[in-house]
Amino acid sequence: MPVPLSWYLILSAMLFACGAVGVLMTRNVIVLLMGVEVMLNAGNLLLVAGARKWGQADGLVFVFIVITVAAAEAAVGLALIIAIYRQSRSLNLDDLNLLKG
């Protein structure tokens, strides 16, 4: 018996809420990036569930695009984190003042 689409919607909403809390409440850059990744995966879950429910491949194409963007975001984000850490020795967002003149 297949799982109803509403269960996927609830799970996706809970994952997105956890990611949003991680992004909004933390001051650590790594936790912030992890929250963004969780929110992207919540959207992917909903796209896959919708594609399976209605038998369309469009949702799966969008999932592939989102996964590609998430991989690029993770690579660039981690490179920036390493560069910032080497300069300031901190990953706390409050301690970063690289753009001040």
PDB file of N, CA and C in Angstrom:
ATOM      1  N   MET A   1       0.838  -1.179   0.000  1.00  0.00           N
ATOM      2  CA  MET A   1       0.000   0.000   0.000  1.00  0.00           C
ATOM      3  C   MET A   1       0.887   1.248   0.000  1.00  0.00           C
ATOM      4  N   PRO A   2       0.727   2.107  -0.975  1.00  0.00           N
ATOM      5  CA  PRO A   2       1.580   3.301  -1.041  1.00  0.00           C
ATOM      6  C   PRO A   2       1.247   4.307   0.057  1.00  0.00           C
ATOM      7  N   VAL A   3       2.255   5.054   0.425  1.00  0.00           N
ATOM      8  CA  VAL A   3       2.105   6.082   1.451  1.00  0.00           C
ATOM      9  C   VAL A   3       1.383   7.281   0.832  1.00  0.00           C
ATOM     10  N   PRO A   4       0.374   7.836   1.514  1.00  0.00           N
ATOM     11  CA  PRO A   4      -0.329   8.997   0.950  1.00  0.00           C
ATOM     12  C   PRO A   4       0.588  10.215   0.835  1.00  0.00           C
ATOM     13  N   LEU A   5       0.249  11.075  -0.105  1.00  0.00           N
ATOM     14  CA  LEU A   5       1.044  12.272  -0.355  1.00  0.00           C
ATOM     15  C   LEU A   5       1.069  13.198   0.861  1.00  0.00           C
ATOM     16  N   SER A   6       0.022  13.162   1.670  1.00  0.00           N
ATOM     17  CA  SER A   6      -0.026  14.047   2.841  1.00  0.00           C
ATOM     18  C   SER A   6       1.075  13.716   3.845  1.00  0.00           C
ATOM     19  N   TRP A   7       1.480  12.452   3.938  1.00  0.00           N
ATOM     20  CA  TRP A   7       2.566  12.095   4.844  1.00  0.00           C
ATOM     21  C   TRP A   7       3.882  12.694   4.380  1.00  0.00           C
ATOM     22  N   TYR A   8       4.091  12.689   3.075  1.00  0.00           N
ATOM     23  CA  TYR A   8       5.295  13.311   2.539  1.00  0.00           C
ATOM     24  C   TYR A   8       5.280  14.817   2.766  1.00  0.00           C
ATOM     25  N   LEU A   9       4.096  15.408   2.638  1.00  0.00           N
ATOM     26  CA  LEU A   9       3.960  16.838   2.880  1.00  0.00           C
ATOM     27  C   LEU A   9       4.285  17.189   4.329  1.00  0.00           C
ATOM     28  N   ILE A  10       3.805  16.386   5.258  1.00  0.00           N
ATOM     29  CA  ILE A  10       4.069  16.628   6.682  1.00  0.00           C
ATOM     30  C   ILE A  10       5.552  16.448   6.979  1.00  0.00           C
ATOM     31  N   LEU A  11       6.147  15.375   6.465  1.00  0.00           N
ATOM     32  CA  LEU A  11       7.572  15.137   6.699  1.00  0.00           C
ATOM     33  C   LEU A  11       8.418  16.240   6.079  1.00  0.00           C
ATOM     34  N   SER A  12       8.054  16.666   4.885  1.00  0.00           N
ATOM     35  CA  SER A  12       8.795  17.736   4.224  1.00  0.00           C
ATOM     36  C   SER A  12       8.669  19.045   5.000  1.00  0.00           C
ATOM     37  N   ALA A  13       7.486  19.343   5.505  1.00  0.00           N
ATOM     38  CA  ALA A  13       7.298  20.564   6.290  1.00  0.00           C
ATOM     39  C   ALA A  13       8.104  20.518   7.585  1.00  0.00           C
ATOM     40  N   MET A  14       8.165  19.348   8.223  1.00  0.00           N
ATOM     41  CA  MET A  14       8.958  19.227   9.453  1.00  0.00           C
ATOM     42  C   MET A  14      10.443  19.383   9.164  1.00  0.00           C
ATOM     43  N   LEU A  15      10.924  18.789   8.083  1.00  0.00           N
ATOM     44  CA  LEU A  15      12.335  18.953   7.707  1.00  0.00           C
ATOM     45  C   LEU A  15      12.656  20.407   7.379  1.00  0.00           C
ATOM     46  N   PHE A  16      11.755  21.058   6.645  1.00  0.00           N
ATOM     47  CA  PHE A  16      11.994  22.447   6.294  1.00  0.00           C
ATOM     48  C   PHE A  16      11.997  23.320   7.545  1.00  0.00           C
ATOM     49  N   ALA A  17      11.106  23.043   8.491  1.00  0.00           N
ATOM     50  CA  ALA A  17      11.070  23.817   9.729  1.00  0.00           C
ATOM     51  C   ALA A  17      12.350  23.618  10.542  1.00  0.00           C
ATOM     52  N   CYS A  18      12.849  22.396  10.601  1.00  0.00           N
ATOM     53  CA  CYS A  18      14.113  22.144  11.311  1.00  0.00           C
ATOM     54  C   CYS A  18      15.263  22.894  10.652  1.00  0.00           C
ATOM     55  N   GLY A  19      15.306  22.894   9.336  1.00  0.00           N
ATOM     56  CA  GLY A  19      16.349  23.629   8.632  1.00  0.00           C
ATOM     57  C   GLY A  19      16.228  25.126   8.847  1.00  0.00           C
ATOM     58  N   ALA A  20      14.997  25.642   8.839  1.00  0.00           N
ATOM     59  CA  ALA A  20      14.800  27.075   9.052  1.00  0.00           C
ATOM     60  C   ALA A  20      15.210  27.483  10.460  1.00  0.00           C
ATOM     61  N   VAL A  21      14.913  26.647  11.440  1.00  0.00           N
ATOM     62  CA  VAL A  21      15.344  26.939  12.811  1.00  0.00           C
ATOM     63  C   VAL A  21      16.864  26.938  12.880  1.00  0.00           C
ATOM     64  N   GLY A  22      17.500  25.996  12.196  1.00  0.00           N
ATOM     65  CA  GLY A  22      18.962  25.956  12.171  1.00  0.00           C
ATOM     66  C   GLY A  22      19.568  27.190  11.530  1.00  0.00           C
ATOM     67  N   VAL A  23      18.925  27.709  10.499  1.00  0.00           N
ATOM     68  CA  VAL A  23      19.441  28.896   9.821  1.00  0.00           C
ATOM     69  C   VAL A  23      19.195  30.152  10.654  1.00  0.00           C
ATOM     70  N   LEU A  24      18.029  30.267  11.242  1.00  0.00           N
ATOM     71  CA  LEU A  24      17.659  31.500  11.926  1.00  0.00           C
ATOM     72  C   LEU A  24      18.201  31.611  13.344  1.00  0.00           C
ATOM     73  N   MET A  25      18.434  30.504  14.015  1.00  0.00           N
ATOM     74  CA  MET A  25      18.776  30.563  15.436  1.00  0.00           C
ATOM     75  C   MET A  25      20.260  30.400  15.737  1.00  0.00           C
ATOM     76  N   THR A  26      21.052  29.968  14.801  1.00  0.00           N
ATOM     77  CA  THR A  26      22.452  29.694  15.118  1.00  0.00           C
ATOM     78  C   THR A  26      23.352  30.830  14.657  1.00  0.00           C
ATOM     79  N   ARG A  27      24.516  30.889  15.224  1.00  0.00           N
ATOM     80  CA  ARG A  27      25.523  31.862  14.820  1.00  0.00           C
ATOM     81  C   ARG A  27      26.749  31.164  14.258  1.00  0.00           C
ATOM     82  N   ASN A  28      26.690  29.855  14.087  1.00  0.00           N
ATOM     83  CA  ASN A  28      27.808  29.090  13.551  1.00  0.00           C
ATOM     84  C   ASN A  28      27.597  28.893  12.051  1.00  0.00           C
ATOM     85  N   VAL A  29      28.624  29.132  11.265  1.00  0.00           N
ATOM     86  CA  VAL A  29      28.504  29.086   9.812  1.00  0.00           C
ATOM     87  C   VAL A  29      28.241  27.667   9.315  1.00  0.00           C
ATOM     88  N   ILE A  30      28.851  26.672   9.926  1.00  0.00           N
ATOM     89  CA  ILE A  30      28.669  25.295   9.475  1.00  0.00           C
ATOM     90  C   ILE A  30      27.240  24.838   9.731  1.00  0.00           C
ATOM     91  N   VAL A  31      26.686  25.149  10.889  1.00  0.00           N
ATOM     92  CA  VAL A  31      25.299  24.787  11.186  1.00  0.00           C
ATOM     93  C   VAL A  31      24.345  25.526  10.250  1.00  0.00           C
ATOM     94  N   LEU A  32      24.690  26.747   9.891  1.00  0.00           N
ATOM     95  CA  LEU A  32      23.879  27.515   8.950  1.00  0.00           C
ATOM     96  C   LEU A  32      23.837  26.819   7.588  1.00  0.00           C
ATOM     97  N   LEU A  33      24.969  26.376   7.092  1.00  0.00           N
ATOM     98  CA  LEU A  33      25.000  25.669   5.807  1.00  0.00           C
ATOM     99  C   LEU A  33      24.263  24.333   5.882  1.00  0.00           C
ATOM    100  N   MET A  34      24.375  23.652   7.005  1.00  0.00           N
ATOM    101  CA  MET A  34      23.645  22.399   7.169  1.00  0.00           C
ATOM    102  C   MET A  34      22.141  22.634   7.173  1.00  0.00           C
ATOM    103  N   GLY A  35      21.697  23.738   7.767  1.00  0.00           N
ATOM    104  CA  GLY A  35      20.276  24.077   7.750  1.00  0.00           C
ATOM    105  C   GLY A  35      19.770  24.344   6.349  1.00  0.00           C
ATOM    106  N   VAL A  36      20.581  25.016   5.540  1.00  0.00           N
ATOM    107  CA  VAL A  36      20.198  25.268   4.146  1.00  0.00           C
ATOM    108  C   VAL A  36      20.099  23.952   3.380  1.00  0.00           C
ATOM    109  N   GLU A  37      21.024  23.042   3.620  1.00  0.00           N
ATOM    110  CA  GLU A  37      20.980  21.742   2.949  1.00  0.00           C
ATOM    111  C   GLU A  37      19.736  20.948   3.349  1.00  0.00           C
ATOM    112  N   VAL A  38      19.361  21.001   4.614  1.00  0.00           N
ATOM    113  CA  VAL A  38      18.155  20.293   5.068  1.00  0.00           C
ATOM    114  C   VAL A  38      16.912  20.885   4.406  1.00  0.00           C
ATOM    115  N   MET A  39      16.866  22.209   4.269  1.00  0.00           N
ATOM    116  CA  MET A  39      15.722  22.832   3.608  1.00  0.00           C
ATOM    117  C   MET A  39      15.660  22.437   2.129  1.00  0.00           C
ATOM    118  N   LEU A  40      16.807  22.363   1.460  1.00  0.00           N
ATOM    119  CA  LEU A  40      16.812  21.920   0.068  1.00  0.00           C
ATOM    120  C   LEU A  40      16.358  20.473  -0.057  1.00  0.00           C
ATOM    121  N   ASN A  41      16.761  19.619   0.880  1.00  0.00           N
ATOM    122  CA  ASN A  41      16.337  18.219   0.842  1.00  0.00           C
ATOM    123  C   ASN A  41      14.851  18.072   1.137  1.00  0.00           C
ATOM    124  N   ALA A  42      14.295  18.951   1.951  1.00  0.00           N
ATOM    125  CA  ALA A  42      12.849  18.925   2.192  1.00  0.00           C
ATOM    126  C   ALA A  42      12.098  19.234   0.903  1.00  0.00           C
ATOM    127  N   GLY A  43      12.571  20.203   0.167  1.00  0.00           N
ATOM    128  CA  GLY A  43      11.954  20.493  -1.130  1.00  0.00           C
ATOM    129  C   GLY A  43      12.105  19.346  -2.102  1.00  0.00           C
ATOM    130  N   ASN A  44      13.270  18.694  -2.098  1.00  0.00           N
ATOM    131  CA  ASN A  44      13.484  17.537  -2.965  1.00  0.00           C
ATOM    132  C   ASN A  44      12.521  16.404  -2.636  1.00  0.00           C
ATOM    133  N   LEU A  45      12.302  16.155  -1.354  1.00  0.00           N
ATOM    134  CA  LEU A  45      11.381  15.100  -0.941  1.00  0.00           C
ATOM    135  C   LEU A  45       9.983  15.368  -1.469  1.00  0.00           C
ATOM    136  N   LEU A  46       9.548  16.592  -1.383  1.00  0.00           N
ATOM    137  CA  LEU A  46       8.213  16.936  -1.864  1.00  0.00           C
ATOM    138  C   LEU A  46       8.135  16.837  -3.387  1.00  0.00           C
ATOM    139  N   LEU A  47       9.181  17.239  -4.089  1.00  0.00           N
ATOM    140  CA  LEU A  47       9.183  17.121  -5.551  1.00  0.00           C
ATOM    141  C   LEU A  47       9.147  15.661  -5.995  1.00  0.00           C
ATOM    142  N   VAL A  48       9.895  14.799  -5.324  1.00  0.00           N
ATOM    143  CA  VAL A  48       9.894  13.375  -5.671  1.00  0.00           C
ATOM    144  C   VAL A  48       8.539  12.749  -5.374  1.00  0.00           C
ATOM    145  N   ALA A  49       7.942  13.112  -4.240  1.00  0.00           N
ATOM    146  CA  ALA A  49       6.632  12.563  -3.893  1.00  0.00           C
ATOM    147  C   ALA A  49       5.573  13.007  -4.896  1.00  0.00           C
ATOM    148  N   GLY A  50       5.620  14.254  -5.306  1.00  0.00           N
ATOM    149  CA  GLY A  50       4.660  14.726  -6.303  1.00  0.00           C
ATOM    150  C   GLY A  50       4.867  14.072  -7.658  1.00  0.00           C
ATOM    151  N   ALA A  51       6.119  13.883  -8.040  1.00  0.00           N
ATOM    152  CA  ALA A  51       6.413  13.223  -9.316  1.00  0.00           C
ATOM    153  C   ALA A  51       5.925  11.782  -9.305  1.00  0.00           C
ATOM    154  N   ARG A  52       6.067  11.121  -8.169  1.00  0.00           N
ATOM    155  CA  ARG A  52       5.603   9.739  -8.072  1.00  0.00           C
ATOM    156  C   ARG A  52       4.081   9.659  -8.054  1.00  0.00           C
ATOM    157  N   LYS A  53       3.452  10.610  -7.365  1.00  0.00           N
ATOM    158  CA  LYS A  53       1.993  10.609  -7.250  1.00  0.00           C
ATOM    159  C   LYS A  53       1.326  10.806  -8.607  1.00  0.00           C
ATOM    160  N   TRP A  54       1.821  11.777  -9.389  1.00  0.00           N
ATOM    161  CA  TRP A  54       1.170  12.107 -10.650  1.00  0.00           C
ATOM    162  C   TRP A  54       1.854  11.474 -11.857  1.00  0.00           C
ATOM    163  N   GLY A  55       2.913  10.713 -11.645  1.00  0.00           N
ATOM    164  CA  GLY A  55       3.554   9.993 -12.731  1.00  0.00           C
ATOM    165  C   GLY A  55       4.254  10.885 -13.742  1.00  0.00           C
ATOM    166  N   GLN A  56       4.726  12.030 -13.310  1.00  0.00           N
ATOM    167  CA  GLN A  56       5.408  12.966 -14.195  1.00  0.00           C
ATOM    168  C   GLN A  56       6.906  12.980 -13.860  1.00  0.00           C
ATOM    169  N   ALA A  57       7.722  13.122 -14.873  1.00  0.00           N
ATOM    170  CA  ALA A  57       9.167  13.156 -14.665  1.00  0.00           C
ATOM    171  C   ALA A  57       9.675  14.574 -14.420  1.00  0.00           C
ATOM    172  N   ASP A  58       8.800  15.571 -14.519  1.00  0.00           N
ATOM    173  CA  ASP A  58       9.232  16.959 -14.335  1.00  0.00           C
ATOM    174  C   ASP A  58       9.803  17.198 -12.946  1.00  0.00           C
ATOM    175  N   GLY A  59       9.171  16.629 -11.928  1.00  0.00           N
ATOM    176  CA  GLY A  59       9.657  16.796 -10.560  1.00  0.00           C
ATOM    177  C   GLY A  59      11.041  16.207 -10.370  1.00  0.00           C
ATOM    178  N   LEU A  60      11.298  15.090 -11.029  1.00  0.00           N
ATOM    179  CA  LEU A  60      12.610  14.458 -10.911  1.00  0.00           C
ATOM    180  C   LEU A  60      13.694  15.283 -11.597  1.00  0.00           C
ATOM    181  N   VAL A  61      13.350  15.958 -12.671  1.00  0.00           N
ATOM    182  CA  VAL A  61      14.302  16.842 -13.337  1.00  0.00           C
ATOM    183  C   VAL A  61      14.652  18.003 -12.417  1.00  0.00           C
ATOM    184  N   PHE A  62      13.639  18.567 -11.763  1.00  0.00           N
ATOM    185  CA  PHE A  62      13.899  19.658 -10.822  1.00  0.00           C
ATOM    186  C   PHE A  62      14.736  19.184  -9.642  1.00  0.00           C
ATOM    187  N   VAL A  63      14.521  17.962  -9.175  1.00  0.00           N
ATOM    188  CA  VAL A  63      15.329  17.411  -8.085  1.00  0.00           C
ATOM    189  C   VAL A  63      16.782  17.311  -8.512  1.00  0.00           C
ATOM    190  N   PHE A  64      17.023  16.869  -9.736  1.00  0.00           N
ATOM    191  CA  PHE A  64      18.395  16.779 -10.244  1.00  0.00           C
ATOM    192  C   PHE A  64      19.051  18.161 -10.265  1.00  0.00           C
ATOM    193  N   ILE A  65      18.301  19.174 -10.687  1.00  0.00           N
ATOM    194  CA  ILE A  65      18.831  20.539 -10.718  1.00  0.00           C
ATOM    195  C   ILE A  65      19.120  21.030  -9.304  1.00  0.00           C
ATOM    196  N   VAL A  66      18.216  20.765  -8.362  1.00  0.00           N
ATOM    197  CA  VAL A  66      18.408  21.211  -6.983  1.00  0.00           C
ATOM    198  C   VAL A  66      19.601  20.511  -6.349  1.00  0.00           C
ATOM    199  N   ILE A  67      19.785  19.231  -6.618  1.00  0.00           N
ATOM    200  CA  ILE A  67      20.937  18.507  -6.078  1.00  0.00           C
ATOM    201  C   ILE A  67      22.236  19.086  -6.639  1.00  0.00           C
ATOM    202  N   THR A  68      22.235  19.441  -7.920  1.00  0.00           N
ATOM    203  CA  THR A  68      23.423  20.040  -8.527  1.00  0.00           C
ATOM    204  C   THR A  68      23.741  21.386  -7.886  1.00  0.00           C
ATOM    205  N   VAL A  69      22.719  22.202  -7.689  1.00  0.00           N
ATOM    206  CA  VAL A  69      22.925  23.510  -7.057  1.00  0.00           C
ATOM    207  C   VAL A  69      23.383  23.334  -5.603  1.00  0.00           C
ATOM    208  N   ALA A  70      22.826  22.359  -4.899  1.00  0.00           N
ATOM    209  CA  ALA A  70      23.215  22.120  -3.508  1.00  0.00           C
ATOM    210  C   ALA A  70      24.668  21.663  -3.414  1.00  0.00           C
ATOM    211  N   ALA A  71      25.107  20.841  -4.344  1.00  0.00           N
ATOM    212  CA  ALA A  71      26.508  20.402  -4.340  1.00  0.00           C
ATOM    213  C   ALA A  71      27.442  21.572  -4.601  1.00  0.00           C
ATOM    214  N   ALA A  72      27.079  22.421  -5.546  1.00  0.00           N
ATOM    215  CA  ALA A  72      27.908  23.603  -5.821  1.00  0.00           C
ATOM    216  C   ALA A  72      27.907  24.550  -4.632  1.00  0.00           C
ATOM    217  N   GLU A  73      26.752  24.709  -3.996  1.00  0.00           N
ATOM    218  CA  GLU A  73      26.657  25.577  -2.809  1.00  0.00           C
ATOM    219  C   GLU A  73      27.519  25.039  -1.674  1.00  0.00           C
ATOM    220  N   ALA A  74      27.507  23.736  -1.479  1.00  0.00           N
ATOM    221  CA  ALA A  74      28.319  23.148  -0.421  1.00  0.00           C
ATOM    222  C   ALA A  74      29.811  23.321  -0.699  1.00  0.00           C
ATOM    223  N   ALA A  75      30.218  23.132  -1.945  1.00  0.00           N
ATOM    224  CA  ALA A  75      31.632  23.273  -2.290  1.00  0.00           C
ATOM    225  C   ALA A  75      32.107  24.712  -2.111  1.00  0.00           C
ATOM    226  N   VAL A  76      31.345  25.654  -2.635  1.00  0.00           N
ATOM    227  CA  VAL A  76      31.727  27.063  -2.499  1.00  0.00           C
ATOM    228  C   VAL A  76      31.631  27.511  -1.053  1.00  0.00           C
ATOM    229  N   GLY A  77      30.584  27.074  -0.355  1.00  0.00           N
ATOM    230  CA  GLY A  77      30.420  27.451   1.051  1.00  0.00           C
ATOM    231  C   GLY A  77      31.552  26.936   1.923  1.00  0.00           C
ATOM    232  N   LEU A  78      31.943  25.690   1.732  1.00  0.00           N
ATOM    233  CA  LEU A  78      33.047  25.149   2.523  1.00  0.00           C
ATOM    234  C   LEU A  78      34.367  25.823   2.193  1.00  0.00           C
ATOM    235  N   ALA A  79      34.567  26.173   0.928  1.00  0.00           N
ATOM    236  CA  ALA A  79      35.788  26.906   0.567  1.00  0.00           C
ATOM    237  C   ALA A  79      35.815  28.272   1.243  1.00  0.00           C
ATOM    238  N   LEU A  80      34.684  28.947   1.272  1.00  0.00           N
ATOM    239  CA  LEU A  80      34.607  30.240   1.964  1.00  0.00           C
ATOM    240  C   LEU A  80      34.818  30.093   3.467  1.00  0.00           C
ATOM    241  N   ILE A  81      34.257  29.043   4.038  1.00  0.00           N
ATOM    242  CA  ILE A  81      34.428  28.810   5.477  1.00  0.00           C
ATOM    243  C   ILE A  81      35.900  28.590   5.806  1.00  0.00           C
ATOM    244  N   ILE A  82      36.587  27.805   4.995  1.00  0.00           N
ATOM    245  CA  ILE A  82      38.015  27.559   5.238  1.00  0.00           C
ATOM    246  C   ILE A  82      38.810  28.852   5.123  1.00  0.00           C
ATOM    247  N   ALA A  83      38.511  29.661   4.115  1.00  0.00           N
ATOM    248  CA  ALA A  83      39.231  30.933   3.943  1.00  0.00           C
ATOM    249  C   ALA A  83      38.957  31.891   5.101  1.00  0.00           C
ATOM    250  N   ILE A  84      37.718  31.951   5.548  1.00  0.00           N
ATOM    251  CA  ILE A  84      37.371  32.844   6.667  1.00  0.00           C
ATOM    252  C   ILE A  84      38.011  32.347   7.957  1.00  0.00           C
ATOM    253  N   TYR A  85      38.002  31.028   8.169  1.00  0.00           N
ATOM    254  CA  TYR A  85      38.596  30.489   9.391  1.00  0.00           C
ATOM    255  C   TYR A  85      40.107  30.728   9.436  1.00  0.00           C
ATOM    256  N   ARG A  86      40.769  30.605   8.307  1.00  0.00           N
ATOM    257  CA  ARG A  86      42.217  30.846   8.280  1.00  0.00           C
ATOM    258  C   ARG A  86      42.553  32.290   8.627  1.00  0.00           C
ATOM    259  N   GLN A  87      41.667  33.203   8.284  1.00  0.00           N
ATOM    260  CA  GLN A  87      41.951  34.611   8.540  1.00  0.00           C
ATOM    261  C   GLN A  87      41.521  35.042   9.950  1.00  0.00           C
ATOM    262  N   SER A  88      40.363  34.572  10.416  1.00  0.00           N
ATOM    263  CA  SER A  88      39.850  35.094  11.690  1.00  0.00           C
ATOM    264  C   SER A  88      39.891  34.090  12.838  1.00  0.00           C
ATOM    265  N   ARG A  89      40.170  32.820  12.570  1.00  0.00           N
ATOM    266  CA  ARG A  89      40.209  31.765  13.590  1.00  0.00           C
ATOM    267  C   ARG A  89      38.893  31.632  14.353  1.00  0.00           C
ATOM    268  N   SER A  90      37.783  31.915  13.681  1.00  0.00           N
ATOM    269  CA  SER A  90      36.471  31.785  14.306  1.00  0.00           C
ATOM    270  C   SER A  90      35.443  31.467  13.232  1.00  0.00           C
ATOM    271  N   LEU A  91      34.435  30.676  13.603  1.00  0.00           N
ATOM    272  CA  LEU A  91      33.327  30.385  12.705  1.00  0.00           C
ATOM    273  C   LEU A  91      32.029  31.019  13.195  1.00  0.00           C
ATOM    274  N   ASN A  92      32.122  31.869  14.186  1.00  0.00           N
ATOM    275  CA  ASN A  92      30.954  32.567  14.710  1.00  0.00           C
ATOM    276  C   ASN A  92      30.653  33.774  13.808  1.00  0.00           C
ATOM    277  N   LEU A  93      29.403  33.904  13.401  1.00  0.00           N
ATOM    278  CA  LEU A  93      29.032  35.001  12.503  1.00  0.00           C
ATOM    279  C   LEU A  93      29.183  36.371  13.148  1.00  0.00           C
ATOM    280  N   ASP A  94      29.055  36.450  14.461  1.00  0.00           N
ATOM    281  CA  ASP A  94      29.195  37.727  15.146  1.00  0.00           C
ATOM    282  C   ASP A  94      30.636  38.236  15.145  1.00  0.00           C
ATOM    283  N   ASP A  95      31.588  37.316  15.060  1.00  0.00           N
ATOM    284  CA  ASP A  95      33.004  37.692  15.087  1.00  0.00           C
ATOM    285  C   ASP A  95      33.549  38.114  13.727  1.00  0.00           C
ATOM    286  N   LEU A  96      32.793  37.883  12.680  1.00  0.00           N
ATOM    287  CA  LEU A  96      33.286  38.169  11.343  1.00  0.00           C
ATOM    288  C   LEU A  96      33.033  39.625  10.981  1.00  0.00           C
ATOM    289  N   ASN A  97      34.100  40.339  10.707  1.00  0.00           N
ATOM    290  CA  ASN A  97      33.986  41.724  10.279  1.00  0.00           C
ATOM    291  C   ASN A  97      34.940  41.988   9.115  1.00  0.00           C
ATOM    292  N   LEU A  98      34.939  41.065   8.145  1.00  0.00           N
ATOM    293  CA  LEU A  98      35.864  41.160   7.023  1.00  0.00           C
ATOM    294  C   LEU A  98      35.506  42.296   6.074  1.00  0.00           C
ATOM    295  N   LEU A  99      34.256  42.700   6.026  1.00  0.00           N
ATOM    296  CA  LEU A  99      33.836  43.708   5.069  1.00  0.00           C
ATOM    297  C   LEU A  99      33.926  45.130   5.621  1.00  0.00           C
ATOM    298  N   LYS A 100      34.353  45.283   6.850  1.00  0.00           N
ATOM    299  CA  LYS A 100      34.505  46.634   7.402  1.00  0.00           C
ATOM    300  C   LYS A 100      35.748  47.283   6.808  1.00  0.00           C
ATOM    301  N   GLY A 101      35.642  48.603   6.550  1.00  0.00           N
ATOM    302  CA  GLY A 101      36.738  49.311   5.898  1.00  0.00           C
ATOM    303  C   GLY A 101      37.806  49.802   6.817  1.00  0.00           C
TER     304      GLY A 101
END
